[in-house]
Amino acid sequence: MTPPDEILEKLLNLTKVIEDGGIEERVHFLTHCALEFLQADHASTRLLDATGTKLMSIARAGDGVHKPPAAFNPEEGVIGWVLTEKKPVKVDDTASDDRFVEKEGQGFGIGSMLAIPMWSSDAVIGILTVTAKGTEEFDDGDLDLAQLLVNAASPALALARLHRLKTLAAAQTAEKP
C-alpha cells in the first residue's frame, strides 16, 4: 500500500494538474492516477453526454487500451447501477455479482472492481471504474482512495465538461440554416 504521505502529495498534485488543459487531458490524468494509486490492471473514466443518456469513454489506462472501448448504456451493468443508485461500489468477485455484464471483445479479464460516481452540483456526470484481474483485489481503503481521487478531480472535470457541451451546442446552432 502506498504510504499516506505519498498519497497526500499525489492528491495535492492531482488537484493542481487537473486544472490545466482540456477535458481529454484532465480525464486522462485522473484515469492514470487511479491506475497508479490503486495498483489496478485497468481504469476508465466515462462521462455522460449532454442528455445524460449516453456514456462516452473519455479515457482508459492499463490492460485493454489497444482495443476499442466497450459500449455501455447508462442503465447497464455495475456502471449502470452506480449511475442509477448514485453510490460507489466495490465488487469483490464479478462472477458472483448479478450486476456485472461481460462485454465481448473487452480484451482483458475483470475479477474485481471499484466504480465511483462523479458529481457536478447535484447530478452525476460520469463514473470512474478501476478493475483487477483477480478477485478481492480491493479493500475498503481502496474504495475510499478512489472516492478521494474523484472528489479532487470532479470540480475541474465538471467545468471542462460544461465548456465542452457549450462549445458543441454553439457549433450545432451555427450549422443550422
N, C-alpha and C. Protein backbone atom coordinates (compact mmCIF):
# COMPACT_ATOMS: atom_id res chain seq x y z
N MET A 1 0.84 -1.18 0.00
CA MET A 1 0.00 0.00 0.00
C MET A 1 0.88 1.25 0.00
N THR A 2 0.44 2.25 -0.72
CA THR A 2 1.17 3.50 -0.81
C THR A 2 1.14 4.21 0.54
N PRO A 3 2.30 4.72 1.00
CA PRO A 3 2.34 5.43 2.29
C PRO A 3 1.44 6.68 2.26
N PRO A 4 0.81 7.02 3.40
CA PRO A 4 -0.10 8.17 3.45
C PRO A 4 0.53 9.49 2.98
N ASP A 5 1.81 9.73 3.30
CA ASP A 5 2.47 10.97 2.86
C ASP A 5 2.51 11.05 1.35
N GLU A 6 2.80 9.92 0.72
CA GLU A 6 2.87 9.88 -0.74
C GLU A 6 1.48 10.07 -1.36
N ILE A 7 0.47 9.49 -0.75
CA ILE A 7 -0.91 9.65 -1.24
C ILE A 7 -1.31 11.12 -1.16
N LEU A 8 -1.05 11.75 -0.02
CA LEU A 8 -1.40 13.16 0.13
C LEU A 8 -0.68 14.03 -0.91
N GLU A 9 0.60 13.77 -1.11
CA GLU A 9 1.37 14.52 -2.11
C GLU A 9 0.78 14.34 -3.51
N LYS A 10 0.40 13.11 -3.85
CA LYS A 10 -0.16 12.84 -5.16
C LYS A 10 -1.55 13.47 -5.32
N LEU A 11 -2.35 13.45 -4.26
CA LEU A 11 -3.67 14.09 -4.33
C LEU A 11 -3.53 15.59 -4.52
N LEU A 12 -2.59 16.20 -3.81
CA LEU A 12 -2.36 17.63 -3.99
C LEU A 12 -1.89 17.93 -5.41
N ASN A 13 -1.03 17.09 -5.94
CA ASN A 13 -0.57 17.26 -7.32
C ASN A 13 -1.72 17.11 -8.30
N LEU A 14 -2.59 16.13 -8.04
CA LEU A 14 -3.76 15.93 -8.90
C LEU A 14 -4.61 17.19 -8.95
N THR A 15 -4.88 17.80 -7.80
CA THR A 15 -5.73 18.99 -7.78
C THR A 15 -5.08 20.16 -8.52
N LYS A 16 -3.76 20.22 -8.55
CA LYS A 16 -3.07 21.30 -9.28
C LYS A 16 -3.05 21.02 -10.78
N VAL A 17 -2.68 19.81 -11.16
CA VAL A 17 -2.51 19.47 -12.57
C VAL A 17 -3.86 19.40 -13.29
N ILE A 18 -4.89 18.94 -12.62
CA ILE A 18 -6.19 18.73 -13.25
C ILE A 18 -6.82 20.05 -13.69
N GLU A 19 -6.34 21.17 -13.18
CA GLU A 19 -6.89 22.48 -13.54
C GLU A 19 -6.47 22.92 -14.94
N ASP A 20 -5.44 22.33 -15.48
CA ASP A 20 -4.90 22.74 -16.79
C ASP A 20 -5.38 21.82 -17.89
N GLY A 21 -5.47 22.36 -19.08
CA GLY A 21 -5.78 21.56 -20.26
C GLY A 21 -7.27 21.39 -20.49
N GLY A 22 -7.57 20.72 -21.58
CA GLY A 22 -8.95 20.43 -21.95
C GLY A 22 -9.47 19.22 -21.21
N ILE A 23 -10.67 18.88 -21.52
CA ILE A 23 -11.32 17.77 -20.81
C ILE A 23 -10.58 16.45 -21.02
N GLU A 24 -10.08 16.22 -22.25
CA GLU A 24 -9.38 14.96 -22.51
C GLU A 24 -8.15 14.82 -21.63
N GLU A 25 -7.37 15.90 -21.53
CA GLU A 25 -6.15 15.86 -20.72
C GLU A 25 -6.48 15.65 -19.24
N ARG A 26 -7.53 16.31 -18.77
CA ARG A 26 -7.90 16.20 -17.36
C ARG A 26 -8.38 14.79 -17.02
N VAL A 27 -9.23 14.25 -17.87
CA VAL A 27 -9.76 12.91 -17.61
C VAL A 27 -8.66 11.86 -17.76
N HIS A 28 -7.79 12.04 -18.71
CA HIS A 28 -6.66 11.14 -18.91
C HIS A 28 -5.79 11.11 -17.65
N PHE A 29 -5.51 12.28 -17.10
CA PHE A 29 -4.68 12.35 -15.90
C PHE A 29 -5.34 11.65 -14.72
N LEU A 30 -6.64 11.89 -14.51
CA LEU A 30 -7.37 11.21 -13.43
C LEU A 30 -7.30 9.69 -13.60
N THR A 31 -7.53 9.22 -14.80
CA THR A 31 -7.55 7.78 -15.07
C THR A 31 -6.20 7.15 -14.77
N HIS A 32 -5.13 7.80 -15.19
CA HIS A 32 -3.79 7.26 -14.92
C HIS A 32 -3.45 7.32 -13.43
N CYS A 33 -3.89 8.37 -12.73
CA CYS A 33 -3.68 8.43 -11.28
C CYS A 33 -4.39 7.27 -10.59
N ALA A 34 -5.62 6.99 -11.00
CA ALA A 34 -6.38 5.89 -10.39
C ALA A 34 -5.66 4.55 -10.61
N LEU A 35 -5.17 4.34 -11.81
CA LEU A 35 -4.45 3.10 -12.13
C LEU A 35 -3.22 2.96 -11.24
N GLU A 36 -2.47 4.05 -11.11
CA GLU A 36 -1.25 4.02 -10.30
C GLU A 36 -1.55 3.92 -8.81
N PHE A 37 -2.43 4.76 -8.29
CA PHE A 37 -2.71 4.80 -6.86
C PHE A 37 -3.26 3.47 -6.36
N LEU A 38 -4.13 2.87 -7.15
CA LEU A 38 -4.84 1.67 -6.69
C LEU A 38 -4.19 0.38 -7.18
N GLN A 39 -3.08 0.51 -7.88
CA GLN A 39 -2.34 -0.65 -8.38
C GLN A 39 -3.28 -1.63 -9.06
N ALA A 40 -4.07 -1.09 -9.97
CA ALA A 40 -5.07 -1.87 -10.69
C ALA A 40 -4.52 -2.31 -12.04
N ASP A 41 -5.31 -3.12 -12.73
CA ASP A 41 -4.94 -3.58 -14.07
C ASP A 41 -5.53 -2.68 -15.15
N HIS A 42 -6.66 -2.05 -14.87
CA HIS A 42 -7.33 -1.18 -15.85
C HIS A 42 -8.11 -0.11 -15.11
N ALA A 43 -8.17 1.06 -15.72
CA ALA A 43 -9.01 2.14 -15.19
C ALA A 43 -9.64 2.86 -16.37
N SER A 44 -10.86 3.32 -16.18
CA SER A 44 -11.51 4.11 -17.23
C SER A 44 -12.37 5.18 -16.59
N THR A 45 -12.48 6.29 -17.29
CA THR A 45 -13.36 7.37 -16.88
C THR A 45 -14.32 7.61 -18.03
N ARG A 46 -15.59 7.58 -17.72
CA ARG A 46 -16.64 7.81 -18.71
C ARG A 46 -17.50 8.96 -18.22
N LEU A 47 -17.83 9.85 -19.13
CA LEU A 47 -18.71 10.96 -18.81
C LEU A 47 -20.02 10.79 -19.56
N LEU A 48 -21.09 11.30 -18.98
CA LEU A 48 -22.38 11.28 -19.66
C LEU A 48 -22.45 12.43 -20.66
N ASP A 49 -23.15 12.19 -21.76
CA ASP A 49 -23.35 13.26 -22.75
C ASP A 49 -24.32 14.29 -22.18
N ALA A 50 -24.61 15.32 -22.97
CA ALA A 50 -25.47 16.42 -22.51
C ALA A 50 -26.86 15.95 -22.11
N THR A 51 -27.35 14.90 -22.74
CA THR A 51 -28.70 14.41 -22.43
C THR A 51 -28.71 13.47 -21.23
N GLY A 52 -27.54 13.01 -20.82
CA GLY A 52 -27.47 12.07 -19.71
C GLY A 52 -27.89 10.67 -20.10
N THR A 53 -27.93 10.39 -21.41
CA THR A 53 -28.41 9.09 -21.88
C THR A 53 -27.32 8.24 -22.51
N LYS A 54 -26.13 8.79 -22.68
CA LYS A 54 -25.06 8.04 -23.33
C LYS A 54 -23.77 8.24 -22.55
N LEU A 55 -23.10 7.12 -22.25
CA LEU A 55 -21.80 7.16 -21.61
C LEU A 55 -20.72 7.22 -22.67
N MET A 56 -19.90 8.24 -22.61
CA MET A 56 -18.79 8.38 -23.55
C MET A 56 -17.52 7.90 -22.88
N SER A 57 -16.76 7.04 -23.54
CA SER A 57 -15.48 6.61 -23.00
C SER A 57 -14.47 7.69 -23.32
N ILE A 58 -14.04 8.38 -22.30
CA ILE A 58 -13.15 9.51 -22.49
C ILE A 58 -11.69 9.12 -22.29
N ALA A 59 -11.40 8.30 -21.28
CA ALA A 59 -10.01 7.93 -21.02
C ALA A 59 -9.94 6.52 -20.44
N ARG A 60 -8.90 5.80 -20.89
CA ARG A 60 -8.66 4.46 -20.36
C ARG A 60 -7.16 4.30 -20.15
N ALA A 61 -6.80 3.47 -19.19
CA ALA A 61 -5.39 3.20 -18.92
C ALA A 61 -5.23 1.75 -18.48
N GLY A 62 -4.08 1.18 -18.79
CA GLY A 62 -3.80 -0.19 -18.38
C GLY A 62 -4.19 -1.21 -19.44
N ASP A 63 -4.54 -2.41 -18.98
CA ASP A 63 -4.89 -3.51 -19.87
C ASP A 63 -6.02 -3.11 -20.82
N GLY A 64 -5.94 -3.60 -22.04
CA GLY A 64 -7.04 -3.46 -22.99
C GLY A 64 -7.14 -2.13 -23.72
N VAL A 65 -6.23 -1.20 -23.49
CA VAL A 65 -6.36 0.11 -24.14
C VAL A 65 -6.13 0.04 -25.66
N HIS A 66 -5.52 -1.03 -26.13
CA HIS A 66 -5.29 -1.20 -27.56
C HIS A 66 -6.56 -1.63 -28.31
N LYS A 67 -7.59 -2.02 -27.56
CA LYS A 67 -8.85 -2.43 -28.17
C LYS A 67 -9.87 -1.31 -28.04
N PRO A 68 -10.88 -1.28 -28.91
CA PRO A 68 -11.93 -0.27 -28.76
C PRO A 68 -12.65 -0.44 -27.41
N PRO A 69 -13.07 0.67 -26.81
CA PRO A 69 -13.76 0.56 -25.52
C PRO A 69 -15.13 -0.11 -25.66
N ALA A 70 -15.50 -0.86 -24.66
CA ALA A 70 -16.83 -1.47 -24.64
C ALA A 70 -17.88 -0.38 -24.47
N ALA A 71 -18.97 -0.52 -25.18
CA ALA A 71 -20.07 0.45 -25.06
C ALA A 71 -21.01 0.01 -23.95
N PHE A 72 -21.41 0.96 -23.12
CA PHE A 72 -22.35 0.70 -22.04
C PHE A 72 -23.49 1.69 -22.12
N ASN A 73 -24.68 1.21 -21.85
CA ASN A 73 -25.82 2.10 -21.67
C ASN A 73 -25.80 2.55 -20.21
N PRO A 74 -26.30 3.74 -19.92
CA PRO A 74 -26.28 4.23 -18.54
C PRO A 74 -27.05 3.38 -17.54
N GLU A 75 -27.87 2.45 -18.00
CA GLU A 75 -28.61 1.61 -17.05
C GLU A 75 -28.10 0.17 -17.02
N GLU A 76 -26.96 -0.09 -17.61
CA GLU A 76 -26.46 -1.45 -17.78
C GLU A 76 -25.27 -1.75 -16.87
N GLY A 77 -25.27 -2.93 -16.29
CA GLY A 77 -24.13 -3.44 -15.54
C GLY A 77 -23.88 -2.72 -14.23
N VAL A 78 -22.69 -2.94 -13.70
CA VAL A 78 -22.29 -2.29 -12.46
C VAL A 78 -22.26 -0.78 -12.66
N ILE A 79 -21.76 -0.35 -13.81
CA ILE A 79 -21.70 1.08 -14.11
C ILE A 79 -23.11 1.68 -14.06
N GLY A 80 -24.04 1.01 -14.67
CA GLY A 80 -25.43 1.48 -14.66
C GLY A 80 -26.00 1.53 -13.26
N TRP A 81 -25.67 0.53 -12.44
CA TRP A 81 -26.15 0.51 -11.07
C TRP A 81 -25.63 1.73 -10.31
N VAL A 82 -24.34 2.03 -10.48
CA VAL A 82 -23.74 3.18 -9.80
C VAL A 82 -24.41 4.48 -10.27
N LEU A 83 -24.66 4.60 -11.56
CA LEU A 83 -25.31 5.81 -12.07
C LEU A 83 -26.75 5.93 -11.58
N THR A 84 -27.44 4.82 -11.48
CA THR A 84 -28.83 4.84 -11.01
C THR A 84 -28.92 5.08 -9.51
N GLU A 85 -28.12 4.36 -8.75
CA GLU A 85 -28.16 4.45 -7.29
C GLU A 85 -27.38 5.65 -6.75
N LYS A 86 -26.48 6.19 -7.60
CA LYS A 86 -25.66 7.35 -7.22
C LYS A 86 -24.77 7.05 -6.00
N LYS A 87 -24.25 5.82 -5.97
CA LYS A 87 -23.40 5.39 -4.87
C LYS A 87 -22.19 4.64 -5.45
N PRO A 88 -21.05 4.75 -4.77
CA PRO A 88 -19.89 3.96 -5.19
C PRO A 88 -20.10 2.49 -4.83
N VAL A 89 -19.36 1.62 -5.50
CA VAL A 89 -19.48 0.20 -5.22
C VAL A 89 -18.11 -0.47 -5.34
N LYS A 90 -17.93 -1.49 -4.50
CA LYS A 90 -16.76 -2.37 -4.57
C LYS A 90 -17.30 -3.76 -4.85
N VAL A 91 -16.87 -4.34 -5.95
CA VAL A 91 -17.28 -5.69 -6.32
C VAL A 91 -16.08 -6.60 -6.11
N ASP A 92 -16.19 -7.53 -5.16
CA ASP A 92 -15.08 -8.42 -4.84
C ASP A 92 -14.90 -9.54 -5.85
N ASP A 93 -16.01 -10.01 -6.44
CA ASP A 93 -15.95 -11.11 -7.39
C ASP A 93 -17.03 -10.88 -8.45
N THR A 94 -16.62 -10.46 -9.63
CA THR A 94 -17.59 -10.14 -10.68
C THR A 94 -18.40 -11.36 -11.11
N ALA A 95 -17.82 -12.55 -10.99
CA ALA A 95 -18.53 -13.77 -11.40
C ALA A 95 -19.74 -14.04 -10.52
N SER A 96 -19.74 -13.54 -9.30
CA SER A 96 -20.87 -13.79 -8.41
C SER A 96 -21.75 -12.54 -8.20
N ASP A 97 -21.54 -11.51 -9.00
CA ASP A 97 -22.34 -10.29 -8.88
C ASP A 97 -23.26 -10.18 -10.09
N ASP A 98 -24.57 -10.24 -9.84
CA ASP A 98 -25.56 -10.21 -10.92
C ASP A 98 -25.53 -8.92 -11.73
N ARG A 99 -24.99 -7.85 -11.17
CA ARG A 99 -24.95 -6.58 -11.88
C ARG A 99 -23.88 -6.56 -12.97
N PHE A 100 -22.86 -7.39 -12.84
CA PHE A 100 -21.74 -7.36 -13.77
C PHE A 100 -22.14 -7.90 -15.13
N VAL A 101 -21.77 -7.15 -16.18
CA VAL A 101 -22.04 -7.56 -17.56
C VAL A 101 -20.69 -7.64 -18.28
N GLU A 102 -20.35 -8.84 -18.74
CA GLU A 102 -19.12 -9.01 -19.50
C GLU A 102 -19.38 -8.62 -20.94
N LYS A 103 -18.47 -7.82 -21.50
CA LYS A 103 -18.64 -7.34 -22.86
C LYS A 103 -17.72 -8.11 -23.81
N GLU A 104 -18.27 -8.49 -24.96
CA GLU A 104 -17.50 -9.18 -25.98
C GLU A 104 -16.40 -8.26 -26.51
N GLY A 105 -15.22 -8.81 -26.70
CA GLY A 105 -14.11 -8.04 -27.24
C GLY A 105 -13.45 -7.10 -26.25
N GLN A 106 -13.74 -7.29 -24.99
CA GLN A 106 -13.22 -6.40 -23.95
C GLN A 106 -11.70 -6.37 -23.92
N GLY A 107 -11.06 -7.51 -24.12
CA GLY A 107 -9.62 -7.56 -24.21
C GLY A 107 -8.88 -7.81 -22.90
N PHE A 108 -9.59 -7.92 -21.79
CA PHE A 108 -8.95 -8.20 -20.51
C PHE A 108 -10.00 -8.75 -19.55
N GLY A 109 -9.53 -9.54 -18.59
CA GLY A 109 -10.44 -10.12 -17.61
C GLY A 109 -10.65 -9.19 -16.42
N ILE A 110 -11.82 -9.29 -15.83
CA ILE A 110 -12.14 -8.49 -14.64
C ILE A 110 -12.64 -9.44 -13.55
N GLY A 111 -11.90 -9.50 -12.46
CA GLY A 111 -12.30 -10.32 -11.33
C GLY A 111 -12.90 -9.49 -10.22
N SER A 112 -12.40 -8.26 -10.05
CA SER A 112 -12.93 -7.36 -9.03
C SER A 112 -12.86 -5.93 -9.56
N MET A 113 -13.69 -5.06 -8.96
CA MET A 113 -13.73 -3.70 -9.47
C MET A 113 -14.24 -2.71 -8.44
N LEU A 114 -13.91 -1.44 -8.70
CA LEU A 114 -14.46 -0.30 -7.98
C LEU A 114 -15.12 0.59 -9.02
N ALA A 115 -16.24 1.18 -8.67
CA ALA A 115 -16.91 2.13 -9.57
C ALA A 115 -17.41 3.29 -8.72
N ILE A 116 -16.99 4.50 -9.09
CA ILE A 116 -17.26 5.69 -8.30
C ILE A 116 -17.99 6.72 -9.15
N PRO A 117 -19.15 7.23 -8.70
CA PRO A 117 -19.83 8.27 -9.46
C PRO A 117 -19.09 9.61 -9.34
N MET A 118 -19.11 10.37 -10.42
CA MET A 118 -18.53 11.72 -10.43
C MET A 118 -19.68 12.72 -10.42
N TRP A 119 -19.58 13.70 -9.53
CA TRP A 119 -20.68 14.64 -9.31
C TRP A 119 -20.34 16.04 -9.82
N SER A 120 -21.36 16.72 -10.28
CA SER A 120 -21.32 18.15 -10.53
C SER A 120 -22.61 18.70 -9.94
N SER A 121 -22.45 19.51 -8.92
CA SER A 121 -23.60 20.04 -8.20
C SER A 121 -24.42 18.87 -7.67
N ASP A 122 -25.66 18.72 -8.11
CA ASP A 122 -26.49 17.63 -7.59
C ASP A 122 -26.72 16.51 -8.61
N ALA A 123 -25.89 16.49 -9.65
CA ALA A 123 -26.07 15.49 -10.71
C ALA A 123 -24.80 14.65 -10.91
N VAL A 124 -24.99 13.38 -11.18
CA VAL A 124 -23.88 12.51 -11.55
C VAL A 124 -23.58 12.77 -13.02
N ILE A 125 -22.30 13.07 -13.32
CA ILE A 125 -21.91 13.40 -14.70
C ILE A 125 -21.02 12.33 -15.32
N GLY A 126 -20.61 11.36 -14.53
CA GLY A 126 -19.74 10.32 -15.07
C GLY A 126 -19.37 9.32 -14.00
N ILE A 127 -18.41 8.49 -14.37
CA ILE A 127 -18.02 7.40 -13.47
C ILE A 127 -16.55 7.03 -13.70
N LEU A 128 -15.86 6.78 -12.61
CA LEU A 128 -14.50 6.24 -12.65
C LEU A 128 -14.61 4.77 -12.29
N THR A 129 -14.05 3.91 -13.14
CA THR A 129 -14.06 2.47 -12.89
C THR A 129 -12.62 1.98 -12.85
N VAL A 130 -12.32 1.19 -11.84
CA VAL A 130 -10.99 0.61 -11.67
C VAL A 130 -11.17 -0.89 -11.51
N THR A 131 -10.40 -1.67 -12.29
CA THR A 131 -10.58 -3.11 -12.24
C THR A 131 -9.26 -3.85 -12.05
N ALA A 132 -9.38 -5.10 -11.58
CA ALA A 132 -8.25 -6.00 -11.42
C ALA A 132 -8.66 -7.37 -11.93
N LYS A 133 -7.68 -8.12 -12.39
CA LYS A 133 -7.96 -9.47 -12.91
C LYS A 133 -8.40 -10.41 -11.80
N GLY A 134 -7.78 -10.32 -10.65
CA GLY A 134 -8.08 -11.22 -9.55
C GLY A 134 -9.30 -10.79 -8.77
N THR A 135 -9.83 -11.73 -8.00
CA THR A 135 -10.95 -11.41 -7.11
C THR A 135 -10.41 -10.81 -5.81
N GLU A 136 -11.25 -10.05 -5.13
CA GLU A 136 -10.92 -9.45 -3.83
C GLU A 136 -9.60 -8.69 -3.84
N GLU A 137 -9.36 -7.97 -4.92
CA GLU A 137 -8.11 -7.20 -5.06
C GLU A 137 -8.18 -5.83 -4.37
N PHE A 138 -9.39 -5.35 -4.07
CA PHE A 138 -9.55 -4.03 -3.48
C PHE A 138 -10.19 -4.15 -2.10
N ASP A 139 -9.76 -3.27 -1.19
CA ASP A 139 -10.38 -3.24 0.13
C ASP A 139 -11.12 -1.92 0.31
N ASP A 140 -11.70 -1.72 1.49
CA ASP A 140 -12.47 -0.50 1.75
C ASP A 140 -11.58 0.74 1.68
N GLY A 141 -10.31 0.61 2.05
CA GLY A 141 -9.37 1.73 1.93
C GLY A 141 -9.18 2.14 0.48
N ASP A 142 -9.16 1.15 -0.42
CA ASP A 142 -9.05 1.46 -1.86
C ASP A 142 -10.29 2.20 -2.35
N LEU A 143 -11.45 1.78 -1.87
CA LEU A 143 -12.70 2.46 -2.23
C LEU A 143 -12.66 3.91 -1.76
N ASP A 144 -12.18 4.14 -0.54
CA ASP A 144 -12.05 5.49 -0.02
C ASP A 144 -11.08 6.32 -0.85
N LEU A 145 -9.96 5.72 -1.22
CA LEU A 145 -8.96 6.42 -2.02
C LEU A 145 -9.51 6.78 -3.40
N ALA A 146 -10.23 5.86 -4.00
CA ALA A 146 -10.86 6.15 -5.30
C ALA A 146 -11.85 7.30 -5.17
N GLN A 147 -12.60 7.32 -4.07
CA GLN A 147 -13.56 8.41 -3.83
C GLN A 147 -12.81 9.73 -3.67
N LEU A 148 -11.68 9.72 -2.97
CA LEU A 148 -10.88 10.94 -2.82
C LEU A 148 -10.38 11.44 -4.17
N LEU A 149 -9.93 10.53 -5.01
CA LEU A 149 -9.47 10.92 -6.36
C LEU A 149 -10.59 11.60 -7.14
N VAL A 150 -11.75 10.99 -7.13
CA VAL A 150 -12.90 11.56 -7.85
C VAL A 150 -13.29 12.91 -7.26
N ASN A 151 -13.33 13.00 -5.93
CA ASN A 151 -13.69 14.27 -5.29
C ASN A 151 -12.69 15.37 -5.62
N ALA A 152 -11.42 15.02 -5.70
CA ALA A 152 -10.39 16.01 -6.02
C ALA A 152 -10.49 16.48 -7.47
N ALA A 153 -10.89 15.60 -8.35
CA ALA A 153 -10.90 15.91 -9.79
C ALA A 153 -12.25 16.44 -10.29
N SER A 154 -13.34 16.10 -9.62
CA SER A 154 -14.68 16.41 -10.15
C SER A 154 -14.94 17.88 -10.45
N PRO A 155 -14.57 18.82 -9.59
CA PRO A 155 -14.87 20.22 -9.93
C PRO A 155 -14.23 20.67 -11.25
N ALA A 156 -12.97 20.33 -11.45
CA ALA A 156 -12.29 20.73 -12.69
C ALA A 156 -12.87 19.99 -13.89
N LEU A 157 -13.21 18.72 -13.72
CA LEU A 157 -13.81 17.96 -14.81
C LEU A 157 -15.20 18.48 -15.15
N ALA A 158 -15.97 18.83 -14.14
CA ALA A 158 -17.31 19.36 -14.38
C ALA A 158 -17.24 20.67 -15.18
N LEU A 159 -16.31 21.55 -14.84
CA LEU A 159 -16.15 22.81 -15.58
C LEU A 159 -15.72 22.54 -17.02
N ALA A 160 -14.77 21.65 -17.20
CA ALA A 160 -14.32 21.32 -18.55
C ALA A 160 -15.44 20.68 -19.37
N ARG A 161 -16.23 19.83 -18.73
CA ARG A 161 -17.37 19.19 -19.41
C ARG A 161 -18.39 20.24 -19.83
N LEU A 162 -18.72 21.17 -18.94
CA LEU A 162 -19.68 22.23 -19.28
C LEU A 162 -19.16 23.08 -20.44
N HIS A 163 -17.88 23.39 -20.42
CA HIS A 163 -17.29 24.15 -21.53
C HIS A 163 -17.41 23.38 -22.83
N ARG A 164 -17.11 22.08 -22.79
CA ARG A 164 -17.20 21.24 -23.99
C ARG A 164 -18.64 21.18 -24.51
N LEU A 165 -19.60 20.97 -23.61
CA LEU A 165 -21.01 20.89 -24.02
C LEU A 165 -21.48 22.22 -24.61
N LYS A 166 -21.04 23.31 -24.03
CA LYS A 166 -21.39 24.64 -24.54
C LYS A 166 -20.80 24.84 -25.94
N THR A 167 -19.57 24.44 -26.14
CA THR A 167 -18.92 24.55 -27.44
C THR A 167 -19.64 23.71 -28.48
N LEU A 168 -20.01 22.48 -28.11
CA LEU A 168 -20.74 21.60 -29.04
C LEU A 168 -22.10 22.18 -29.39
N ALA A 169 -22.80 22.72 -28.41
CA ALA A 169 -24.12 23.31 -28.66
C ALA A 169 -24.00 24.52 -29.58
N ALA A 170 -22.98 25.34 -29.38
CA ALA A 170 -22.76 26.51 -30.23
C ALA A 170 -22.45 26.08 -31.67
N ALA A 171 -21.67 25.02 -31.83
CA ALA A 171 -21.32 24.53 -33.17
C ALA A 171 -22.56 23.98 -33.86
N GLN A 172 -23.41 23.28 -33.14
CA GLN A 172 -24.64 22.74 -33.73
C GLN A 172 -25.59 23.86 -34.13
N THR A 173 -25.67 24.91 -33.33
CA THR A 173 -26.52 26.05 -33.64
C THR A 173 -26.02 26.78 -34.89
N ALA A 174 -24.70 26.90 -35.01
CA ALA A 174 -24.09 27.58 -36.16
C ALA A 174 -24.31 26.80 -37.45
N GLU A 175 -24.41 25.47 -37.37
CA GLU A 175 -24.61 24.64 -38.55
C GLU A 175 -26.02 24.69 -39.09
N LYS A 176 -26.98 25.07 -38.25
CA LYS A 176 -28.39 25.11 -38.70
C LYS A 176 -28.60 26.28 -39.64
N PRO A 177 -29.38 26.05 -40.73
CA PRO A 177 -29.60 27.14 -41.71
C PRO A 177 -30.49 28.23 -41.17
